[in-house]
C-alpha atoms as a PDB file:
ATOM      1  CA  UNK A   1      23.488  16.318   5.849  1.00  0.00           C
ATOM      2  CA  UNK A   2      21.165  13.810   5.898  1.00  0.00           C
ATOM      3  CA  UNK A   3      23.764  10.892   7.494  1.00  0.00           C
ATOM      4  CA  UNK A   4      22.279  12.231  11.190  1.00  0.00           C
ATOM      5  CA  UNK A   5      18.643  11.779   9.556  1.00  0.00           C
ATOM      6  CA  UNK A   6      19.831   7.842   8.474  1.00  0.00           C
ATOM      7  CA  UNK A   7      21.699   6.889  12.043  1.00  0.00           C
ATOM      8  CA  UNK A   8      18.890   8.321  13.908  1.00  0.00           C
ATOM      9  CA  UNK A   9      15.990   6.454  11.924  1.00  0.00           C
ATOM     10  CA  UNK A  10      17.544   3.216  11.976  1.00  0.00           C
ATOM     11  CA  UNK A  11      18.787   3.742  15.881  1.00  0.00           C
ATOM     12  CA  UNK A  12      22.456   3.566  15.192  1.00  0.00           C
ATOM     13  CA  UNK A  13      25.031   4.957  17.601  1.00  0.00           C
ATOM     14  CA  UNK A  14      27.709   6.584  16.362  1.00  0.00           C
ATOM     15  CA  UNK A  15      30.314   5.027  17.944  1.00  0.00           C
ATOM     16  CA  UNK A  16      28.554   1.550  15.873  1.00  0.00           C
ATOM     17  CA  UNK A  17      28.924   3.337  12.741  1.00  0.00           C
ATOM     18  CA  UNK A  18      32.293   4.115  13.461  1.00  0.00           C
ATOM     19  CA  UNK A  19      33.498   1.102  14.419  1.00  0.00           C
ATOM     20  CA  UNK A  20      31.802  -0.951  11.662  1.00  0.00           C
ATOM     21  CA  UNK A  21      32.533   1.729   8.851  1.00  0.00           C
ATOM     22  CA  UNK A  22      36.039   1.310   9.886  1.00  0.00           C
ATOM     23  CA  UNK A  23      37.147   4.603  11.275  1.00  0.00           C
ATOM     24  CA  UNK A  24      38.279   5.748  14.273  1.00  0.00           C
ATOM     25  CA  UNK A  25      34.941   7.351  16.472  1.00  0.00           C
ATOM     26  CA  UNK A  26      36.881  10.595  17.522  1.00  0.00           C
ATOM     27  CA  UNK A  27      37.358  11.030  13.606  1.00  0.00           C
ATOM     28  CA  UNK A  28      33.882  10.595  13.229  1.00  0.00           C
ATOM     29  CA  UNK A  29      32.691  12.377  15.763  1.00  0.00           C
ATOM     30  CA  UNK A  30      34.754  15.568  14.599  1.00  0.00           C
ATOM     31  CA  UNK A  31      33.412  14.916  11.283  1.00  0.00           C
ATOM     32  CA  UNK A  32      29.932  15.150  11.952  1.00  0.00           C
ATOM     33  CA  UNK A  33      30.148  18.435  13.899  1.00  0.00           C
ATOM     34  CA  UNK A  34      32.079  19.639  11.364  1.00  0.00           C
ATOM     35  CA  UNK A  35      35.383  19.796  13.098  1.00  0.00           C
ATOM     36  CA  UNK A  36      36.872  17.388   9.877  1.00  0.00           C
ATOM     37  CA  UNK A  37      36.433  16.611   6.654  1.00  0.00           C
ATOM     38  CA  UNK A  38      34.406  13.157   5.490  1.00  0.00           C
ATOM     39  CA  UNK A  39      37.566  11.586   3.400  1.00  0.00           C
ATOM     40  CA  UNK A  40      35.806   9.865   0.077  1.00  0.00           C
ATOM     41  CA  UNK A  41      37.257   6.435   1.908  1.00  0.00           C
ATOM     42  CA  UNK A  42      35.210   7.410   4.991  1.00  0.00           C
ATOM     43  CA  UNK A  43      31.987   8.083   3.338  1.00  0.00           C
ATOM     44  CA  UNK A  44      31.945   4.703   0.566  1.00  0.00           C
ATOM     45  CA  UNK A  45      32.764   2.792   4.067  1.00  0.00           C
ATOM     46  CA  UNK A  46      29.784   4.345   5.328  1.00  0.00           C
ATOM     47  CA  UNK A  47      26.780   4.124   2.691  1.00  0.00           C
ATOM     48  CA  UNK A  48      28.206   0.569   2.287  1.00  0.00           C
ATOM     49  CA  UNK A  49      27.746  -0.495   5.564  1.00  0.00           C
ATOM     50  CA  UNK A  50      24.289   1.349   5.846  1.00  0.00           C
ATOM     51  CA  UNK A  51      23.467   0.160   2.229  1.00  0.00           C
ATOM     52  CA  UNK A  52      22.409   3.429   1.011  1.00  0.00           C
ATOM     53  CA  UNK A  53      23.578   5.861  -2.055  1.00  0.00           C
ATOM     54  CA  UNK A  54      26.552   7.713  -1.128  1.00  0.00           C
ATOM     55  CA  UNK A  55      24.231  10.742  -2.690  1.00  0.00           C
ATOM     56  CA  UNK A  56      21.368  10.180   0.159  1.00  0.00           C
ATOM     57  CA  UNK A  57      24.016  10.401   2.662  1.00  0.00           C
ATOM     58  CA  UNK A  58      26.318  13.858   1.592  1.00  0.00           C
ATOM     59  CA  UNK A  59      24.532  16.526  -0.321  1.00  0.00           C
ATOM     60  CA  UNK A  60      27.731  17.561  -1.779  1.00  0.00           C
ATOM     61  CA  UNK A  61      28.411  14.412  -3.863  1.00  0.00           C
END
């Protein structure tokens, strides 16, 4: 997953990402740790917030 790399490069906190992508922080943390899947709507909102194509953040797409 390249999402972690992007948020680290941009120095965005996971909390900031969650709030701006309208995902509860606990859901985002669980998804990042692999305990929960990223829903397609979450992927779109994250990509939109970061202004990056979804395929650049999530390999499986």
